[in-house]
Amino acid sequence: MSNTDQPAPPHGLTFQVVRPAPSRYGDLTLGGVSATADTLTVVGTIDPDGDFQLLPRDARVFPARPDAPAVVLDRTAGGHPILVPAAYDHTSGEWGRVREHVMAGGNYAAYCDSRASDAVESVCGHRFYGAVAVHDRIEHLTGENPTPMVRATVETGRIDTVLVPLPAGVSADDVDLAASAGDAADALPDVLRESILAAVPEPGHSRELREVHYLYVVDD
């Protein structure tokens, strides 16, 4: 089977894409599956061992389509449910989640099906009420000098730590200057602030960046 000849993904459940107000910086998913699609098709979950599991048979309802791409339910290190693009592994002959590192692109996906609620609960270990963050931003780094990453611990209504690429036009010195300022949240370059907010899973009470506790460029 060639790389372009793969079976259709399993059937699943549909989630409706929820987008925030348009960003002045364009598509923060970098062409992710939720960039233009209004619907995503959840075809499976990732279990605690990191293995892909099909949805229960009664939840394999809708086929994934180009306008309703296949995604997989997974969790962050903090236990928050996320949706990740699905991918076919030609070596194992099985579907699963993409192997690349994924980041939040700012979009969410909502559902109103009890079977979807059960699938989300199976991933995060408890009942979850709300839209699920879509982690479909994939950075394709090439060359000997990949894009530096910025790690920030920020407060929007609760405290989260995120990792985002250093935006074009922003230098490590700019990050250091903001970190040393009395109000780092206010001193951040606009494009970096937007990227950080987009990467925060399920933001707290508002999309406002209230405080930056730690901020530095990851240089390894």
Protein backbone atom coordinates (compact mmCIF):
# COMPACT_ATOMS: atom_id res chain seq x y z
CA MET A 1 0.00 0.00 0.00
CA SER A 2 1.46 3.36 -1.00
CA ASN A 3 1.51 6.44 1.19
CA THR A 4 -1.31 7.90 -0.86
CA ASP A 5 -3.36 4.67 -0.81
CA GLN A 6 -4.80 4.23 2.64
CA PRO A 7 -8.11 2.95 3.96
CA ALA A 8 -10.79 5.37 5.02
CA PRO A 9 -10.71 6.20 8.73
CA PRO A 10 -13.27 4.53 11.01
CA HIS A 11 -16.66 6.15 11.39
CA GLY A 12 -17.18 8.29 14.46
CA LEU A 13 -19.03 11.20 16.06
CA THR A 14 -19.20 14.79 14.86
CA PHE A 15 -18.02 17.79 16.88
CA GLN A 16 -18.78 21.35 15.76
CA VAL A 17 -15.79 23.69 15.45
CA VAL A 18 -15.96 26.82 17.61
CA ARG A 19 -13.67 29.68 16.62
CA PRO A 20 -12.79 32.82 18.59
CA ALA A 21 -12.95 36.23 16.98
CA PRO A 22 -10.64 36.36 13.93
CA SER A 23 -7.02 37.03 14.85
CA ARG A 24 -5.26 40.00 13.31
CA TYR A 25 -2.35 37.60 12.72
CA GLY A 26 -4.30 35.20 10.52
CA ASP A 27 -4.71 31.45 10.90
CA LEU A 28 -2.96 30.43 14.13
CA THR A 29 -3.49 26.73 13.34
CA LEU A 30 -1.04 27.02 10.40
CA GLY A 31 -3.42 25.12 8.15
CA GLY A 32 -4.62 22.68 10.82
CA VAL A 33 -7.69 20.50 10.37
CA SER A 34 -9.91 23.07 12.12
CA ALA A 35 -8.67 26.02 10.04
CA THR A 36 -11.57 25.87 7.56
CA ALA A 37 -13.69 22.84 8.52
CA ASP A 38 -16.86 23.54 10.50
CA THR A 39 -17.12 19.92 11.66
CA LEU A 40 -14.60 17.38 12.95
CA THR A 41 -15.16 13.61 13.10
CA VAL A 42 -13.88 11.96 16.28
CA VAL A 43 -12.92 8.41 15.27
CA GLY A 44 -11.26 7.12 18.44
CA THR A 45 -9.50 7.82 21.71
CA ILE A 46 -6.02 7.43 23.16
CA ASP A 47 -6.03 5.20 26.24
CA PRO A 48 -3.80 5.66 29.34
CA ASP A 49 -1.12 3.48 27.74
CA GLY A 50 -0.98 5.76 24.70
CA ASP A 51 -2.72 3.27 22.39
CA PHE A 52 -5.47 4.14 19.94
CA GLN A 53 -8.91 2.72 20.67
CA LEU A 54 -11.93 2.74 18.39
CA LEU A 55 -15.11 4.30 19.69
CA PRO A 56 -17.77 1.82 20.86
CA ARG A 57 -19.65 0.31 17.95
CA ASP A 58 -22.78 2.38 18.57
CA ALA A 59 -20.68 5.56 18.32
CA ARG A 60 -19.21 4.77 14.88
CA VAL A 61 -21.89 6.69 13.07
CA PHE A 62 -20.56 9.31 10.67
CA PRO A 63 -17.80 8.93 8.07
CA ALA A 64 -14.93 11.40 8.10
CA ARG A 65 -14.92 13.63 5.03
CA PRO A 66 -12.65 16.34 3.64
CA ASP A 67 -14.99 18.91 5.20
CA ALA A 68 -15.22 16.91 8.46
CA PRO A 69 -11.66 15.63 9.01
CA ALA A 70 -10.85 12.69 11.29
CA VAL A 71 -9.53 13.56 14.75
CA VAL A 72 -8.71 11.61 17.91
CA LEU A 73 -9.48 12.39 21.55
CA ASP A 74 -6.34 12.58 23.69
CA ARG A 75 -5.31 14.39 26.88
CA THR A 76 -2.67 16.91 27.89
CA ALA A 77 -0.11 16.20 30.59
CA GLY A 78 -2.45 18.04 32.95
CA GLY A 79 -5.36 15.74 32.08
CA HIS A 80 -7.33 18.16 29.91
CA PRO A 81 -9.10 16.57 26.91
CA ILE A 82 -7.88 17.68 23.49
CA LEU A 83 -8.60 16.82 19.87
CA VAL A 84 -5.64 15.84 17.70
CA PRO A 85 -5.58 15.10 13.94
CA ALA A 86 -5.88 11.42 13.08
CA ALA A 87 -3.27 9.69 10.92
CA TYR A 88 -2.81 6.28 9.31
CA ASP A 89 0.31 4.32 10.25
CA HIS A 90 1.42 2.34 7.18
CA THR A 91 3.78 0.23 9.27
CA SER A 92 1.19 -1.03 11.73
CA GLY A 93 -1.71 -0.76 9.31
CA GLU A 94 -3.76 1.07 11.93
CA TRP A 95 -5.26 4.49 12.50
CA GLY A 96 -4.18 6.67 15.42
CA ARG A 97 -3.12 10.23 16.23
CA VAL A 98 -0.45 12.12 14.34
CA ARG A 99 3.06 11.56 15.72
CA GLU A 100 4.21 15.16 15.31
CA HIS A 101 4.19 17.54 18.25
CA VAL A 102 0.89 19.41 18.20
CA MET A 103 -0.11 22.69 19.79
CA ALA A 104 -3.35 24.57 20.33
CA GLY A 105 -4.28 26.78 17.40
CA GLY A 106 -7.03 28.66 19.23
CA ASN A 107 -10.06 26.67 18.05
CA TYR A 108 -12.41 24.42 20.04
CA ALA A 109 -15.00 21.78 19.19
CA ALA A 110 -18.35 21.27 20.91
CA TYR A 111 -20.78 18.35 21.05
CA CYS A 112 -24.26 17.54 22.32
CA ASP A 113 -24.22 13.73 22.07
CA SER A 114 -24.07 11.61 25.24
CA ARG A 115 -21.81 9.16 23.39
CA ALA A 116 -19.35 12.01 22.82
CA SER A 117 -19.55 12.86 26.53
CA ASP A 118 -18.71 9.24 27.34
CA ALA A 119 -15.72 9.33 24.96
CA VAL A 120 -14.38 12.51 26.55
CA GLU A 121 -14.84 11.03 30.02
CA SER A 122 -12.91 7.92 29.00
CA VAL A 123 -9.96 10.13 28.12
CA CYS A 124 -9.86 12.60 31.02
CA GLY A 125 -11.28 10.34 33.72
CA HIS A 126 -14.24 12.50 34.75
CA ARG A 127 -17.33 14.14 33.31
CA PHE A 128 -16.37 17.18 31.29
CA TYR A 129 -18.66 20.07 30.41
CA GLY A 130 -17.54 22.44 27.67
CA ALA A 131 -15.90 22.64 24.28
CA VAL A 132 -12.69 20.65 23.75
CA ALA A 133 -9.50 22.43 22.66
CA VAL A 134 -8.29 21.44 19.19
CA HIS A 135 -4.52 20.88 19.10
CA ASP A 136 -3.90 20.90 15.35
CA ARG A 137 -1.08 23.40 14.97
CA ILE A 138 2.03 21.54 13.76
CA GLU A 139 5.37 23.29 13.35
CA HIS A 140 7.43 21.80 10.53
CA LEU A 141 10.95 22.81 11.54
CA THR A 142 13.76 22.34 9.02
CA GLY A 143 17.43 23.17 8.79
CA GLU A 144 20.11 23.37 11.45
CA ASN A 145 18.49 26.31 13.27
CA PRO A 146 14.86 25.44 14.06
CA THR A 147 12.52 28.08 15.41
CA PRO A 148 13.26 28.80 19.11
CA MET A 149 10.41 28.13 21.52
CA VAL A 150 9.08 30.36 24.28
CA ARG A 151 7.86 28.83 27.54
CA ALA A 152 5.47 30.95 29.57
CA THR A 153 3.55 30.40 32.79
CA VAL A 154 0.56 32.71 32.54
CA GLU A 155 -2.67 33.57 34.31
CA THR A 156 -5.95 34.10 32.47
CA GLY A 157 -8.35 33.04 35.21
CA ARG A 158 -6.17 30.16 36.28
CA ILE A 159 -2.48 29.40 35.79
CA ASP A 160 -1.17 27.45 32.77
CA THR A 161 2.25 26.77 31.29
CA VAL A 162 2.46 26.86 27.49
CA LEU A 163 5.14 26.39 24.87
CA VAL A 164 4.91 28.45 21.67
CA PRO A 165 7.26 29.21 18.76
CA LEU A 166 9.14 32.49 18.94
CA PRO A 167 7.20 34.57 16.36
CA ALA A 168 8.93 36.09 13.37
CA GLY A 169 10.07 39.61 14.16
CA VAL A 170 10.38 38.90 17.88
CA SER A 171 13.87 38.26 19.25
CA ALA A 172 15.07 36.48 22.37
CA ASP A 173 16.12 39.92 23.65
CA ASP A 174 12.51 41.11 23.28
CA VAL A 175 11.39 38.17 25.43
CA ASP A 176 14.05 38.87 28.06
CA LEU A 177 13.04 42.55 28.12
CA ALA A 178 9.38 41.68 28.64
CA ALA A 179 10.27 39.14 31.35
CA SER A 180 12.24 41.73 33.29
CA ALA A 181 9.53 44.39 33.04
CA GLY A 182 7.37 45.24 36.02
CA ASP A 183 4.28 44.10 34.09
CA ALA A 184 5.42 41.36 31.72
CA ALA A 185 1.91 40.77 30.37
CA ASP A 186 1.69 44.39 29.22
CA ALA A 187 5.28 44.40 27.91
CA LEU A 188 4.83 41.38 25.63
CA PRO A 189 4.95 42.01 21.87
CA ASP A 190 1.39 41.74 20.52
CA VAL A 191 2.10 38.78 18.24
CA LEU A 192 3.66 36.79 21.11
CA ARG A 193 0.76 37.63 23.43
CA GLU A 194 -1.69 36.37 20.79
CA SER A 195 0.25 33.11 20.35
CA ILE A 196 0.39 32.52 24.11
CA LEU A 197 -3.34 33.11 24.53
CA ALA A 198 -4.12 30.77 21.63
CA ALA A 199 -2.06 28.02 23.29
CA VAL A 200 -3.82 28.26 26.66
CA PRO A 201 -6.22 25.29 26.93
CA GLU A 202 -9.76 26.15 27.92
CA PRO A 203 -8.96 29.68 29.10
CA GLY A 204 -10.33 30.69 32.45
CA HIS A 205 -12.81 33.47 32.94
CA SER A 206 -11.65 35.55 30.00
CA ARG A 207 -9.22 35.69 27.09
CA GLU A 208 -7.35 38.43 28.96
CA LEU A 209 -3.73 37.73 29.82
CA ARG A 210 -3.76 38.95 33.42
CA GLU A 211 -0.26 38.08 34.53
CA VAL A 212 2.92 36.40 33.30
CA HIS A 213 4.70 34.52 36.09
CA TYR A 214 7.60 33.01 34.10
CA LEU A 215 8.77 33.76 30.58
CA TYR A 216 11.91 32.57 28.81
CA VAL A 217 13.25 31.27 25.50
CA VAL A 218 13.99 27.55 25.39
CA ASP A 219 17.42 27.26 23.81
CA ASP A 220 17.81 23.47 23.63
